[in-house]
Amino acid sequence: MPFIGNSVPSPGKWLYCNGSTFDANIYKDLFVILGNSNITPDLRGVFLRGYADDSQIDKGRQLNNL
C-alpha cells in the first residue's frame, strides 16, 4: 500500500485517500505533511506510479506532467 511519510503506519492507522477529512489532532504528522490540510488526497481511480528521475525511463519527465 502506498503511504506518505518516512515509515509505514501502524496497523489500524491507515486512512483512505478518498478526499475525506480527518481529525488533525489525532493525525498531527499527516496534517503537517499535507501542508496543514486535514483532507486526504483523492486517489480514487488514479494509477500510482513511482518516479524514476535517475533512470532512462523518466528521462525529461517532470512531476505533475500529465
PDB file of N, CA and C in Angstrom:
ATOM      1  N   MET A   1       0.835  -1.173   0.000  1.00  0.00           N
ATOM      2  CA  MET A   1       0.000   0.000   0.000  1.00  0.00           C
ATOM      3  C   MET A   1       0.885   1.242   0.000  1.00  0.00           C
ATOM      4  N   PRO A   2       0.601   2.202  -0.845  1.00  0.00           N
ATOM      5  CA  PRO A   2       1.357   3.450  -0.820  1.00  0.00           C
ATOM      6  C   PRO A   2       1.067   4.226   0.461  1.00  0.00           C
ATOM      7  N   PHE A   3       2.044   4.959   0.906  1.00  0.00           N
ATOM      8  CA  PHE A   3       1.841   5.794   2.086  1.00  0.00           C
ATOM      9  C   PHE A   3       2.705   7.032   1.968  1.00  0.00           C
ATOM     10  N   ILE A   4       2.347   8.061   2.719  1.00  0.00           N
ATOM     11  CA  ILE A   4       3.105   9.303   2.751  1.00  0.00           C
ATOM     12  C   ILE A   4       3.846   9.349   4.072  1.00  0.00           C
ATOM     13  N   GLY A   5       5.137   9.596   4.041  1.00  0.00           N
ATOM     14  CA  GLY A   5       5.915   9.689   5.262  1.00  0.00           C
ATOM     15  C   GLY A   5       7.199   8.886   5.170  1.00  0.00           C
ATOM     16  N   ASN A   6       7.909   8.804   6.275  1.00  0.00           N
ATOM     17  CA  ASN A   6       9.192   8.115   6.311  1.00  0.00           C
ATOM     18  C   ASN A   6       9.111   6.698   6.828  1.00  0.00           C
ATOM     19  N   SER A   7       7.995   6.319   7.443  1.00  0.00           N
ATOM     20  CA  SER A   7       7.845   4.965   7.958  1.00  0.00           C
ATOM     21  C   SER A   7       6.400   4.511   7.785  1.00  0.00           C
ATOM     22  N   VAL A   8       6.233   3.210   7.640  1.00  0.00           N
ATOM     23  CA  VAL A   8       4.899   2.642   7.444  1.00  0.00           C
ATOM     24  C   VAL A   8       4.074   2.812   8.717  1.00  0.00           C
ATOM     25  N   PRO A   9       2.826   3.290   8.608  1.00  0.00           N
ATOM     26  CA  PRO A   9       1.980   3.454   9.795  1.00  0.00           C
ATOM     27  C   PRO A   9       1.674   2.118  10.476  1.00  0.00           C
ATOM     28  N   SER A  10       1.366   2.183  11.735  1.00  0.00           N
ATOM     29  CA  SER A  10       0.966   1.000  12.490  1.00  0.00           C
ATOM     30  C   SER A  10      -0.362   0.474  11.968  1.00  0.00           C
ATOM     31  N   PRO A  11      -0.607  -0.825  12.137  1.00  0.00           N
ATOM     32  CA  PRO A  11      -1.907  -1.369  11.724  1.00  0.00           C
ATOM     33  C   PRO A  11      -3.053  -0.596  12.379  1.00  0.00           C
ATOM     34  N   GLY A  12      -4.088  -0.330  11.610  1.00  0.00           N
ATOM     35  CA  GLY A  12      -5.236   0.413  12.123  1.00  0.00           C
ATOM     36  C   GLY A  12      -5.065   1.915  12.055  1.00  0.00           C
ATOM     37  N   LYS A  13      -3.928   2.385  11.562  1.00  0.00           N
ATOM     38  CA  LYS A  13      -3.663   3.820  11.468  1.00  0.00           C
ATOM     39  C   LYS A  13      -3.754   4.333  10.039  1.00  0.00           C
ATOM     40  N   TRP A  14      -4.224   3.501   9.119  1.00  0.00           N
ATOM     41  CA  TRP A  14      -4.327   3.881   7.717  1.00  0.00           C
ATOM     42  C   TRP A  14      -5.591   4.699   7.476  1.00  0.00           C
ATOM     43  N   LEU A  15      -5.522   5.623   6.556  1.00  0.00           N
ATOM     44  CA  LEU A  15      -6.694   6.379   6.126  1.00  0.00           C
ATOM     45  C   LEU A  15      -6.865   6.177   4.625  1.00  0.00           C
ATOM     46  N   TYR A  16      -8.105   6.151   4.160  1.00  0.00           N
ATOM     47  CA  TYR A  16      -8.366   6.062   2.736  1.00  0.00           C
ATOM     48  C   TYR A  16      -8.010   7.385   2.069  1.00  0.00           C
ATOM     49  N   CYS A  17      -7.402   7.312   0.901  1.00  0.00           N
ATOM     50  CA  CYS A  17      -7.114   8.512   0.105  1.00  0.00           C
ATOM     51  C   CYS A  17      -8.286   8.749  -0.826  1.00  0.00           C
ATOM     52  N   ASN A  18      -9.366   9.266  -0.246  1.00  0.00           N
ATOM     53  CA  ASN A  18     -10.602   9.468  -0.997  1.00  0.00           C
ATOM     54  C   ASN A  18     -11.138  10.894  -0.872  1.00  0.00           C
ATOM     55  N   GLY A  19     -10.281  11.822  -0.476  1.00  0.00           N
ATOM     56  CA  GLY A  19     -10.703  13.213  -0.358  1.00  0.00           C
ATOM     57  C   GLY A  19     -11.493  13.529   0.896  1.00  0.00           C
ATOM     58  N   SER A  20     -11.507  12.594   1.843  1.00  0.00           N
ATOM     59  CA  SER A  20     -12.274  12.821   3.070  1.00  0.00           C
ATOM     60  C   SER A  20     -11.440  13.599   4.095  1.00  0.00           C
ATOM     61  N   THR A  21     -12.109  14.154   5.062  1.00  0.00           N
ATOM     62  CA  THR A  21     -11.419  14.886   6.120  1.00  0.00           C
ATOM     63  C   THR A  21     -11.031  13.933   7.247  1.00  0.00           C
ATOM     64  N   PHE A  22     -10.038  14.350   8.021  1.00  0.00           N
ATOM     65  CA  PHE A  22      -9.602  13.567   9.161  1.00  0.00           C
ATOM     66  C   PHE A  22      -9.341  14.509  10.327  1.00  0.00           C
ATOM     67  N   ASP A  23      -9.264  13.962  11.520  1.00  0.00           N
ATOM     68  CA  ASP A  23      -9.030  14.751  12.724  1.00  0.00           C
ATOM     69  C   ASP A  23      -7.549  15.108  12.811  1.00  0.00           C
ATOM     70  N   ALA A  24      -7.239  16.375  12.601  1.00  0.00           N
ATOM     71  CA  ALA A  24      -5.846  16.844  12.609  1.00  0.00           C
ATOM     72  C   ALA A  24      -5.200  16.698  13.984  1.00  0.00           C
ATOM     73  N   ASN A  25      -5.990  16.621  15.042  1.00  0.00           N
ATOM     74  CA  ASN A  25      -5.428  16.425  16.384  1.00  0.00           C
ATOM     75  C   ASN A  25      -4.938  14.993  16.586  1.00  0.00           C
ATOM     76  N   ILE A  26      -5.546  14.048  15.903  1.00  0.00           N
ATOM     77  CA  ILE A  26      -5.133  12.651  16.003  1.00  0.00           C
ATOM     78  C   ILE A  26      -3.980  12.361  15.052  1.00  0.00           C
ATOM     79  N   TYR A  27      -4.048  12.893  13.837  1.00  0.00           N
ATOM     80  CA  TYR A  27      -3.040  12.654  12.801  1.00  0.00           C
ATOM     81  C   TYR A  27      -2.226  13.927  12.563  1.00  0.00           C
ATOM     82  N   LYS A  28      -1.525  14.357  13.592  1.00  0.00           N
ATOM     83  CA  LYS A  28      -0.778  15.622  13.530  1.00  0.00           C
ATOM     84  C   LYS A  28       0.314  15.610  12.471  1.00  0.00           C
ATOM     85  N   ASP A  29       1.060  14.513  12.388  1.00  0.00           N
ATOM     86  CA  ASP A  29       2.140  14.432  11.392  1.00  0.00           C
ATOM     87  C   ASP A  29       1.588  14.481   9.970  1.00  0.00           C
ATOM     88  N   LEU A  30       0.516  13.761   9.718  1.00  0.00           N
ATOM     89  CA  LEU A  30      -0.104  13.760   8.394  1.00  0.00           C
ATOM     90  C   LEU A  30      -0.607  15.153   8.043  1.00  0.00           C
ATOM     91  N   PHE A  31      -1.185  15.832   9.004  1.00  0.00           N
ATOM     92  CA  PHE A  31      -1.672  17.200   8.808  1.00  0.00           C
ATOM     93  C   PHE A  31      -0.543  18.106   8.313  1.00  0.00           C
ATOM     94  N   VAL A  32       0.621  17.988   8.921  1.00  0.00           N
ATOM     95  CA  VAL A  32       1.777  18.807   8.527  1.00  0.00           C
ATOM     96  C   VAL A  32       2.272  18.399   7.142  1.00  0.00           C
ATOM     97  N   ILE A  33       2.389  17.082   6.892  1.00  0.00           N
ATOM     98  CA  ILE A  33       2.859  16.591   5.598  1.00  0.00           C
ATOM     99  C   ILE A  33       1.959  17.072   4.471  1.00  0.00           C
ATOM    100  N   LEU A  34       0.672  17.159   4.727  1.00  0.00           N
ATOM    101  CA  LEU A  34      -0.287  17.590   3.703  1.00  0.00           C
ATOM    102  C   LEU A  34      -0.414  19.107   3.630  1.00  0.00           C
ATOM    103  N   GLY A  35       0.549  19.828   4.180  1.00  0.00           N
ATOM    104  CA  GLY A  35       0.553  21.289   4.073  1.00  0.00           C
ATOM    105  C   GLY A  35      -0.490  21.948   4.945  1.00  0.00           C
ATOM    106  N   ASN A  36      -0.647  21.432   6.173  1.00  0.00           N
ATOM    107  CA  ASN A  36      -1.626  21.943   7.130  1.00  0.00           C
ATOM    108  C   ASN A  36      -3.054  21.833   6.604  1.00  0.00           C
ATOM    109  N   SER A  37      -3.317  20.711   5.970  1.00  0.00           N
ATOM    110  CA  SER A  37      -4.654  20.398   5.468  1.00  0.00           C
ATOM    111  C   SER A  37      -5.125  19.123   6.133  1.00  0.00           C
ATOM    112  N   ASN A  38      -6.400  19.060   6.450  1.00  0.00           N
ATOM    113  CA  ASN A  38      -6.952  17.839   7.048  1.00  0.00           C
ATOM    114  C   ASN A  38      -7.830  17.087   6.045  1.00  0.00           C
ATOM    115  N   ILE A  39      -7.477  17.194   4.777  1.00  0.00           N
ATOM    116  CA  ILE A  39      -8.191  16.484   3.714  1.00  0.00           C
ATOM    117  C   ILE A  39      -7.221  15.521   3.046  1.00  0.00           C
ATOM    118  N   THR A  40      -7.595  14.246   2.994  1.00  0.00           N
ATOM    119  CA  THR A  40      -6.728  13.262   2.353  1.00  0.00           C
ATOM    120  C   THR A  40      -6.730  13.491   0.841  1.00  0.00           C
ATOM    121  N   PRO A  41      -5.635  13.132   0.163  1.00  0.00           N
ATOM    122  CA  PRO A  41      -5.644  13.218  -1.298  1.00  0.00           C
ATOM    123  C   PRO A  41      -6.706  12.282  -1.861  1.00  0.00           C
ATOM    124  N   ASP A  42      -7.343  12.671  -2.946  1.00  0.00           N
ATOM    125  CA  ASP A  42      -8.337  11.805  -3.577  1.00  0.00           C
ATOM    126  C   ASP A  42      -7.652  11.031  -4.697  1.00  0.00           C
ATOM    127  N   LEU A  43      -7.311   9.781  -4.418  1.00  0.00           N
ATOM    128  CA  LEU A  43      -6.612   8.949  -5.379  1.00  0.00           C
ATOM    129  C   LEU A  43      -7.511   7.884  -5.994  1.00  0.00           C
ATOM    130  N   ARG A  44      -8.822   8.031  -5.836  1.00  0.00           N
ATOM    131  CA  ARG A  44      -9.741   7.061  -6.428  1.00  0.00           C
ATOM    132  C   ARG A  44      -9.616   7.106  -7.950  1.00  0.00           C
ATOM    133  N   GLY A  45      -9.433   5.942  -8.552  1.00  0.00           N
ATOM    134  CA  GLY A  45      -9.322   5.849  -9.999  1.00  0.00           C
ATOM    135  C   GLY A  45      -7.978   6.290 -10.550  1.00  0.00           C
ATOM    136  N   VAL A  46      -7.016   6.566  -9.670  1.00  0.00           N
ATOM    137  CA  VAL A  46      -5.694   7.021 -10.093  1.00  0.00           C
ATOM    138  C   VAL A  46      -4.715   5.864  -9.998  1.00  0.00           C
ATOM    139  N   PHE A  47      -3.915   5.689 -11.031  1.00  0.00           N
ATOM    140  CA  PHE A  47      -2.865   4.680 -11.012  1.00  0.00           C
ATOM    141  C   PHE A  47      -1.604   5.333 -10.483  1.00  0.00           C
ATOM    142  N   LEU A  48      -1.098   4.863  -9.361  1.00  0.00           N
ATOM    143  CA  LEU A  48       0.118   5.413  -8.789  1.00  0.00           C
ATOM    144  C   LEU A  48       1.333   4.815  -9.486  1.00  0.00           C
ATOM    145  N   ARG A  49       2.286   5.664  -9.800  1.00  0.00           N
ATOM    146  CA  ARG A  49       3.483   5.233 -10.493  1.00  0.00           C
ATOM    147  C   ARG A  49       4.680   5.867  -9.824  1.00  0.00           C
ATOM    148  N   GLY A  50       5.679   5.062  -9.548  1.00  0.00           N
ATOM    149  CA  GLY A  50       6.904   5.584  -8.948  1.00  0.00           C
ATOM    150  C   GLY A  50       7.665   6.463  -9.937  1.00  0.00           C
ATOM    151  N   TYR A  51       8.291   7.490  -9.442  1.00  0.00           N
ATOM    152  CA  TYR A  51       9.048   8.432 -10.260  1.00  0.00           C
ATOM    153  C   TYR A  51      10.503   7.998 -10.299  1.00  0.00           C
ATOM    154  N   ALA A  52      11.066   7.824 -11.493  1.00  0.00           N
ATOM    155  CA  ALA A  52      12.427   7.333 -11.648  1.00  0.00           C
ATOM    156  C   ALA A  52      13.273   8.381 -12.368  1.00  0.00           C
ATOM    157  N   ASP A  53      13.538   9.483 -11.688  1.00  0.00           N
ATOM    158  CA  ASP A  53      14.263  10.577 -12.327  1.00  0.00           C
ATOM    159  C   ASP A  53      15.729  10.254 -12.610  1.00  0.00           C
ATOM    160  N   ASP A  54      16.227   9.183 -12.019  1.00  0.00           N
ATOM    161  CA  ASP A  54      17.627   8.836 -12.229  1.00  0.00           C
ATOM    162  C   ASP A  54      17.797   7.682 -13.223  1.00  0.00           C
ATOM    163  N   SER A  55      16.769   7.414 -14.032  1.00  0.00           N
ATOM    164  CA  SER A  55      16.852   6.320 -15.000  1.00  0.00           C
ATOM    165  C   SER A  55      16.467   6.828 -16.387  1.00  0.00           C
ATOM    166  N   GLN A  56      16.624   5.984 -17.356  1.00  0.00           N
ATOM    167  CA  GLN A  56      16.242   6.326 -18.732  1.00  0.00           C
ATOM    168  C   GLN A  56      14.724   6.309 -18.924  1.00  0.00           C
ATOM    169  N   ILE A  57      14.012   5.666 -18.018  1.00  0.00           N
ATOM    170  CA  ILE A  57      12.558   5.541 -18.154  1.00  0.00           C
ATOM    171  C   ILE A  57      11.883   6.899 -18.095  1.00  0.00           C
ATOM    172  N   ASP A  58      12.248   7.726 -17.131  1.00  0.00           N
ATOM    173  CA  ASP A  58      11.603   9.022 -16.944  1.00  0.00           C
ATOM    174  C   ASP A  58      12.505  10.186 -17.357  1.00  0.00           C
ATOM    175  N   LYS A  59      13.438   9.942 -18.244  1.00  0.00           N
ATOM    176  CA  LYS A  59      14.354  10.996 -18.681  1.00  0.00           C
ATOM    177  C   LYS A  59      13.562  12.146 -19.312  1.00  0.00           C
ATOM    178  N   GLY A  60      13.696  13.346 -18.750  1.00  0.00           N
ATOM    179  CA  GLY A  60      12.991  14.508 -19.266  1.00  0.00           C
ATOM    180  C   GLY A  60      11.604  14.716 -18.701  1.00  0.00           C
ATOM    181  N   ARG A  61      11.071  13.710 -17.999  1.00  0.00           N
ATOM    182  CA  ARG A  61       9.726  13.856 -17.422  1.00  0.00           C
ATOM    183  C   ARG A  61       9.810  14.711 -16.167  1.00  0.00           C
ATOM    184  N   GLN A  62       8.805  15.522 -15.931  1.00  0.00           N
ATOM    185  CA  GLN A  62       8.724  16.334 -14.742  1.00  0.00           C
ATOM    186  C   GLN A  62       7.556  15.869 -13.901  1.00  0.00           C
ATOM    187  N   LEU A  63       7.620  16.105 -12.598  1.00  0.00           N
ATOM    188  CA  LEU A  63       6.492  15.754 -11.730  1.00  0.00           C
ATOM    189  C   LEU A  63       5.271  16.561 -12.131  1.00  0.00           C
ATOM    190  N   ASN A  64       4.095  15.969 -11.983  1.00  0.00           N
ATOM    191  CA  ASN A  64       2.811  16.581 -12.331  1.00  0.00           C
ATOM    192  C   ASN A  64       2.712  16.893 -13.809  1.00  0.00           C
ATOM    193  N   ASN A  65       3.504  16.217 -14.620  1.00  0.00           N
ATOM    194  CA  ASN A  65       3.463  16.402 -16.055  1.00  0.00           C
ATOM    195  C   ASN A  65       2.599  15.295 -16.647  1.00  0.00           C
ATOM    196  N   LEU A  66       1.340  15.587 -16.861  1.00  0.00           N
ATOM    197  CA  LEU A  66       0.429  14.575 -17.394  1.00  0.00           C
ATOM    198  C   LEU A  66       0.641  14.500 -18.877  1.00  0.00           C
TER     199      LEU A  66
END
